[in-house]
C-alpha atoms as a PDB file:
ATOM      1  CA  GLU A   1     -13.071  -7.886  25.116  1.00  0.00           C
ATOM      2  CA  ILE A   2      -9.876  -5.978  25.644  1.00  0.00           C
ATOM      3  CA  ALA A   3      -9.809  -6.596  29.387  1.00  0.00           C
ATOM      4  CA  THR A   4     -10.363 -10.352  28.795  1.00  0.00           C
ATOM      5  CA  LEU A   5      -7.520 -10.548  26.286  1.00  0.00           C
ATOM      6  CA  ARG A   6      -5.155  -8.614  28.622  1.00  0.00           C
ATOM      7  CA  ALA A   7      -6.193 -10.711  31.649  1.00  0.00           C
ATOM      8  CA  LEU A   8      -5.395 -13.821  29.628  1.00  0.00           C
ATOM      9  CA  GLY A   9      -1.902 -12.499  28.996  1.00  0.00           C
ATOM     10  CA  PHE A  10      -2.016 -11.244  25.434  1.00  0.00           C
ATOM     11  CA  SER A  11       0.567  -8.664  24.587  1.00  0.00           C
ATOM     12  CA  LYS A  12      -0.343  -5.204  23.462  1.00  0.00           C
ATOM     13  CA  PHE A  13       1.020  -6.023  19.945  1.00  0.00           C
ATOM     14  CA  SER A  14      -1.299  -9.084  19.738  1.00  0.00           C
ATOM     15  CA  ILE A  15      -4.268  -6.926  20.618  1.00  0.00           C
ATOM     16  CA  LEU A  16      -3.266  -4.382  18.072  1.00  0.00           C
ATOM     17  CA  LEU A  17      -2.989  -7.122  15.457  1.00  0.00           C
ATOM     18  CA  SER A  18      -6.326  -8.732  16.310  1.00  0.00           C
ATOM     19  CA  PHE A  19      -8.224  -5.368  16.073  1.00  0.00           C
ATOM     20  CA  LEU A  20      -6.458  -4.499  12.815  1.00  0.00           C
ATOM     21  CA  PHE A  21      -7.134  -7.969  11.439  1.00  0.00           C
ATOM     22  CA  GLU A  22     -10.876  -7.674  12.290  1.00  0.00           C
ATOM     23  CA  SER A  23     -11.039  -4.317  10.664  1.00  0.00           C
ATOM     24  CA  VAL A  24      -9.342  -5.500   7.448  1.00  0.00           C
ATOM     25  CA  VAL A  25     -11.544  -8.619   7.266  1.00  0.00           C
ATOM     26  CA  LEU A  26     -14.736  -6.629   7.571  1.00  0.00           C
ATOM     27  CA  ALA A  27     -13.535  -4.078   4.995  1.00  0.00           C
ATOM     28  CA  LEU A  28     -12.644  -6.899   2.571  1.00  0.00           C
ATOM     29  CA  LEU A  29     -16.032  -8.520   3.068  1.00  0.00           C
ATOM     30  CA  GLY A  30     -17.759  -5.145   2.399  1.00  0.00           C
ATOM     31  CA  GLY A  31     -15.572  -4.668  -0.685  1.00  0.00           C
ATOM     32  CA  ALA A  32     -16.523  -8.124  -1.925  1.00  0.00           C
ATOM     33  CA  VAL A  33     -20.221  -7.461  -1.375  1.00  0.00           C
ATOM     34  CA  GLY A  34     -19.871  -4.091  -3.202  1.00  0.00           C
ATOM     35  CA  THR A  35     -17.977  -5.802  -6.031  1.00  0.00           C
ATOM     36  CA  VAL A  36     -20.733  -8.458  -6.461  1.00  0.00           C
ATOM     37  CA  ALA A  37     -23.298  -5.579  -6.571  1.00  0.00           C
ATOM     38  CA  ALA A  38     -21.196  -3.815  -9.187  1.00  0.00           C
ATOM     39  CA  LEU A  39     -20.917  -6.983 -11.321  1.00  0.00           C
ATOM     40  CA  ALA A  40     -24.727  -7.188 -11.268  1.00  0.00           C
ATOM     41  CA  MET A  41     -24.782  -3.702 -12.742  1.00  0.00           C
ATOM     42  CA  GLY A  42     -23.260  -5.237 -15.837  1.00  0.00           C
ATOM     43  CA  PHE A  43     -26.677  -6.444 -16.815  1.00  0.00           C
ATOM     44  CA  VAL A  44     -28.232  -2.963 -16.559  1.00  0.00           C
ATOM     45  CA  ARG A  45     -28.424  -0.660 -19.576  1.00  0.00           C
ATOM     46  CA  PHE A  46     -29.168   3.035 -19.458  1.00  0.00           C
ATOM     47  CA  SER A  47     -30.457   4.487 -22.726  1.00  0.00           C
ATOM     48  CA  MET A  48     -31.073   8.043 -23.609  1.00  0.00           C
ATOM     49  CA  ILE A  49     -32.459   9.695 -26.796  1.00  0.00           C
ATOM     50  CA  ASN A  50     -30.571  12.641 -28.315  1.00  0.00           C
ATOM     51  CA  PHE A  51     -33.452  14.822 -29.495  1.00  0.00           C
ATOM     52  CA  SER A  52     -31.244  16.840 -31.820  1.00  0.00           C
ATOM     53  CA  ASN A  53     -30.693  13.966 -34.273  1.00  0.00           C
ATOM     54  CA  TRP A  54     -32.975  11.324 -32.733  1.00  0.00           C
ATOM     55  CA  SER A  55     -30.144   8.930 -31.962  1.00  0.00           C
ATOM     56  CA  GLU A  56     -30.054   6.548 -29.006  1.00  0.00           C
ATOM     57  CA  ILE A  57     -27.134   6.620 -26.673  1.00  0.00           C
ATOM     58  CA  VAL A  58     -26.748   3.434 -24.580  1.00  0.00           C
ATOM     59  CA  ILE A  59     -24.573   3.419 -21.470  1.00  0.00           C
ATOM     60  CA  ARG A  60     -23.366   0.020 -19.996  1.00  0.00           C
ATOM     61  CA  PHE A  61     -21.137  -0.723 -17.079  1.00  0.00           C
ATOM     62  CA  ARG A  62     -18.496  -3.453 -17.918  1.00  0.00           C
ATOM     63  CA  PRO A  63     -16.205  -4.184 -15.003  1.00  0.00           C
ATOM     64  CA  THR A  64     -12.828  -5.562 -15.884  1.00  0.00           C
ATOM     65  CA  PRO A  65     -10.757  -7.832 -13.701  1.00  0.00           C
ATOM     66  CA  GLY A  66      -8.384  -4.882 -13.061  1.00  0.00           C
ATOM     67  CA  ILE A  67     -11.246  -2.805 -11.736  1.00  0.00           C
ATOM     68  CA  VAL A  68     -12.365  -5.636  -9.436  1.00  0.00           C
ATOM     69  CA  ILE A  69      -8.858  -6.103  -8.027  1.00  0.00           C
ATOM     70  CA  GLN A  70      -8.463  -2.384  -7.535  1.00  0.00           C
ATOM     71  CA  ALA A  71     -11.728  -2.205  -5.635  1.00  0.00           C
ATOM     72  CA  ILE A  72     -10.802  -5.125  -3.284  1.00  0.00           C
ATOM     73  CA  VAL A  73      -7.295  -3.608  -2.696  1.00  0.00           C
ATOM     74  CA  PHE A  74      -8.837  -0.191  -2.065  1.00  0.00           C
ATOM     75  CA  ALA A  75     -11.256  -1.807   0.482  1.00  0.00           C
ATOM     76  CA  GLY A  76      -8.340  -3.460   2.243  1.00  0.00           C
ATOM     77  CA  VAL A  77      -6.320  -0.246   2.442  1.00  0.00           C
ATOM     78  CA  LEU A  78      -9.389   1.578   3.863  1.00  0.00           C
ATOM     79  CA  GLY A  79      -9.759  -1.186   6.447  1.00  0.00           C
ATOM     80  CA  VAL A  80      -6.147  -0.709   7.500  1.00  0.00           C
ATOM     81  CA  LEU A  81      -6.513   3.046   7.688  1.00  0.00           C
ATOM     82  CA  GLY A  82      -9.847   2.978   9.390  1.00  0.00           C
ATOM     83  CA  GLY A  83      -8.924   0.364  11.887  1.00  0.00           C
ATOM     84  CA  MET A  84      -5.530   1.721  12.876  1.00  0.00           C
ATOM     85  CA  LEU A  85      -6.687   4.345  15.433  1.00  0.00           C
ATOM     86  CA  PRO A  86      -9.136   2.091  17.286  1.00  0.00           C
ATOM     87  CA  ALA A  87      -6.462  -0.721  17.268  1.00  0.00           C
ATOM     88  CA  VAL A  88      -3.792   1.515  18.739  1.00  0.00           C
ATOM     89  CA  ARG A  89      -6.195   2.845  21.348  1.00  0.00           C
ATOM     90  CA  ALA A  90      -7.247  -0.651  22.329  1.00  0.00           C
ATOM     91  CA  ALA A  91      -3.503  -1.720  22.603  1.00  0.00           C
ATOM     92  CA  ARG A  92      -2.675   1.238  24.755  1.00  0.00           C
ATOM     93  CA  LEU A  93      -5.596   0.733  27.153  1.00  0.00           C
ATOM     94  CA  LYS A  94      -4.527  -0.355  30.618  1.00  0.00           C
ATOM     95  CA  LEU A  95      -6.053  -3.478  32.162  1.00  0.00           C
ATOM     96  CA  LEU A  96      -7.869  -1.649  34.994  1.00  0.00           C
ATOM     97  CA  ASP A  97      -9.295   0.933  32.616  1.00  0.00           C
ATOM     98  CA  ALA A  98     -10.521  -1.778  30.274  1.00  0.00           C
ATOM     99  CA  LEU A  99     -12.227  -3.540  33.229  1.00  0.00           C
ATOM    100  CA  ARG A 100     -13.996  -0.360  34.213  1.00  0.00           C
ATOM    101  CA  ALA A 101     -15.334   0.237  30.736  1.00  0.00           C
END
């Protein structure tokens, strides 16, 4: 893929941006799937009984819009951080080395 892009005349910066964009999109998709799974946890109740006074303790997860936004932003930041090194390495790769790989 890198060799094809370089052979077509893409600049190193364009390759860097395309790899970084792909990383961020995948991270955001993963964050969205995780957020939907967390929203489904809103329907689950965990209950325990305190045996010292026989009271019931109920634990519920209620995600707020702020938590959802923070989760998506966190996923995007991790996508940038996780994709930076491979993107830089792909951009620095010479055409002949990319064709050999």
